Amino acid sequence: MAELRFEWDTEKARSNLRKHGVSFET
């Protein structure tokens, strides 16, 4: 389950990066 959440968070981070120009993957 942790792996699935990691993948989902990665996709969310990409979406936020596109929309706001901010990446949560520091």
PDB file of N, CA and C in Angstrom:
ATOM      1  N   MET A   1       0.827  -1.199   0.000  1.00  0.00           N
ATOM      2  CA  MET A   1       0.000   0.000   0.000  1.00  0.00           C
ATOM      3  C   MET A   1       0.866   1.255   0.000  1.00  0.00           C
ATOM      4  N   ALA A   2       1.976   1.195   0.709  1.00  0.00           N
ATOM      5  CA  ALA A   2       2.872   2.349   0.771  1.00  0.00           C
ATOM      6  C   ALA A   2       3.394   2.701  -0.622  1.00  0.00           C
ATOM      7  N   GLU A   3       3.702   1.682  -1.406  1.00  0.00           N
ATOM      8  CA  GLU A   3       4.205   1.926  -2.759  1.00  0.00           C
ATOM      9  C   GLU A   3       3.152   2.611  -3.616  1.00  0.00           C
ATOM     10  N   LEU A   4       1.904   2.155  -3.495  1.00  0.00           N
ATOM     11  CA  LEU A   4       0.811   2.737  -4.267  1.00  0.00           C
ATOM     12  C   LEU A   4       0.638   4.207  -3.893  1.00  0.00           C
ATOM     13  N   ARG A   5       0.709   4.502  -2.600  1.00  0.00           N
ATOM     14  CA  ARG A   5       0.571   5.884  -2.151  1.00  0.00           C
ATOM     15  C   ARG A   5       1.724   6.727  -2.693  1.00  0.00           C
ATOM     16  N   PHE A   6       2.928   6.165  -2.706  1.00  0.00           N
ATOM     17  CA  PHE A   6       4.082   6.894  -3.230  1.00  0.00           C
ATOM     18  C   PHE A   6       3.861   7.264  -4.691  1.00  0.00           C
ATOM     19  N   GLU A   7       3.360   6.317  -5.467  1.00  0.00           N
ATOM     20  CA  GLU A   7       3.082   6.581  -6.880  1.00  0.00           C
ATOM     21  C   GLU A   7       2.029   7.674  -7.022  1.00  0.00           C
ATOM     22  N   TRP A   8       0.981   7.598  -6.202  1.00  0.00           N
ATOM     23  CA  TRP A   8      -0.103   8.578  -6.268  1.00  0.00           C
ATOM     24  C   TRP A   8       0.426   9.958  -5.894  1.00  0.00           C
ATOM     25  N   ASP A   9       1.262  10.020  -4.855  1.00  0.00           N
ATOM     26  CA  ASP A   9       1.838  11.295  -4.439  1.00  0.00           C
ATOM     27  C   ASP A   9       2.735  11.863  -5.534  1.00  0.00           C
ATOM     28  N   THR A  10       3.432  10.990  -6.229  1.00  0.00           N
ATOM     29  CA  THR A  10       4.291  11.444  -7.317  1.00  0.00           C
ATOM     30  C   THR A  10       3.462  12.086  -8.419  1.00  0.00           C
ATOM     31  N   GLU A  11       2.363  11.449  -8.771  1.00  0.00           N
ATOM     32  CA  GLU A  11       1.473  12.003  -9.798  1.00  0.00           C
ATOM     33  C   GLU A  11       0.890  13.329  -9.331  1.00  0.00           C
ATOM     34  N   LYS A  12       0.513  13.416  -8.087  1.00  0.00           N
ATOM     35  CA  LYS A  12      -0.046  14.652  -7.539  1.00  0.00           C
ATOM     36  C   LYS A  12       1.010  15.751  -7.578  1.00  0.00           C
ATOM     37  N   ALA A  13       2.236  15.388  -7.226  1.00  0.00           N
ATOM     38  CA  ALA A  13       3.325  16.361  -7.239  1.00  0.00           C
ATOM     39  C   ALA A  13       3.548  16.889  -8.654  1.00  0.00           C
ATOM     40  N   ARG A  14       3.487  16.008  -9.645  1.00  0.00           N
ATOM     41  CA  ARG A  14       3.646  16.444 -11.036  1.00  0.00           C
ATOM     42  C   ARG A  14       2.529  17.391 -11.434  1.00  0.00           C
ATOM     43  N   SER A  15       1.306  17.062 -11.021  1.00  0.00           N
ATOM     44  CA  SER A  15       0.155  17.895 -11.344  1.00  0.00           C
ATOM     45  C   SER A  15       0.313  19.274 -10.717  1.00  0.00           C
ATOM     46  N   ASN A  16       0.724  19.312  -9.457  1.00  0.00           N
ATOM     47  CA  ASN A  16       0.938  20.581  -8.770  1.00  0.00           C
ATOM     48  C   ASN A  16       2.083  21.349  -9.417  1.00  0.00           C
ATOM     49  N   LEU A  17       3.114  20.637  -9.847  1.00  0.00           N
ATOM     50  CA  LEU A  17       4.246  21.289 -10.494  1.00  0.00           C
ATOM     51  C   LEU A  17       3.795  21.971 -11.776  1.00  0.00           C
ATOM     52  N   ARG A  18       2.928  21.313 -12.535  1.00  0.00           N
ATOM     53  CA  ARG A  18       2.416  21.899 -13.772  1.00  0.00           C
ATOM     54  C   ARG A  18       1.527  23.108 -13.489  1.00  0.00           C
ATOM     55  N   LYS A  19       0.655  22.981 -12.501  1.00  0.00           N
ATOM     56  CA  LYS A  19      -0.333  24.031 -12.241  1.00  0.00           C
ATOM     57  C   LYS A  19       0.256  25.227 -11.507  1.00  0.00           C
ATOM     58  N   HIS A  20       1.148  24.962 -10.555  1.00  0.00           N
ATOM     59  CA  HIS A  20       1.644  26.038  -9.703  1.00  0.00           C
ATOM     60  C   HIS A  20       3.142  26.295  -9.863  1.00  0.00           C
ATOM     61  N   GLY A  21       3.815  25.399 -10.578  1.00  0.00           N
ATOM     62  CA  GLY A  21       5.249  25.568 -10.747  1.00  0.00           C
ATOM     63  C   GLY A  21       6.008  25.267  -9.466  1.00  0.00           C
ATOM     64  N   VAL A  22       5.411  24.444  -8.605  1.00  0.00           N
ATOM     65  CA  VAL A  22       6.046  24.095  -7.336  1.00  0.00           C
ATOM     66  C   VAL A  22       6.142  22.581  -7.217  1.00  0.00           C
ATOM     67  N   SER A  23       7.300  22.099  -6.831  1.00  0.00           N
ATOM     68  CA  SER A  23       7.474  20.660  -6.672  1.00  0.00           C
ATOM     69  C   SER A  23       7.638  20.317  -5.198  1.00  0.00           C
ATOM     70  N   PHE A  24       6.916  19.282  -4.753  1.00  0.00           N
ATOM     71  CA  PHE A  24       7.023  18.851  -3.364  1.00  0.00           C
ATOM     72  C   PHE A  24       8.111  17.794  -3.201  1.00  0.00           C
ATOM     73  N   GLU A  25       8.739  17.430  -4.309  1.00  0.00           N
ATOM     74  CA  GLU A  25       9.819  16.450  -4.237  1.00  0.00           C
ATOM     75  C   GLU A  25      11.132  17.197  -4.076  1.00  0.00           C
ATOM     76  N   THR A  26      11.470  17.562  -2.855  1.00  0.00           N
ATOM     77  CA  THR A  26      12.678  18.349  -2.626  1.00  0.00           C
ATOM     78  C   THR A  26      13.890  17.465  -2.494  1.00  0.00           C
TER      79      THR A  26
END
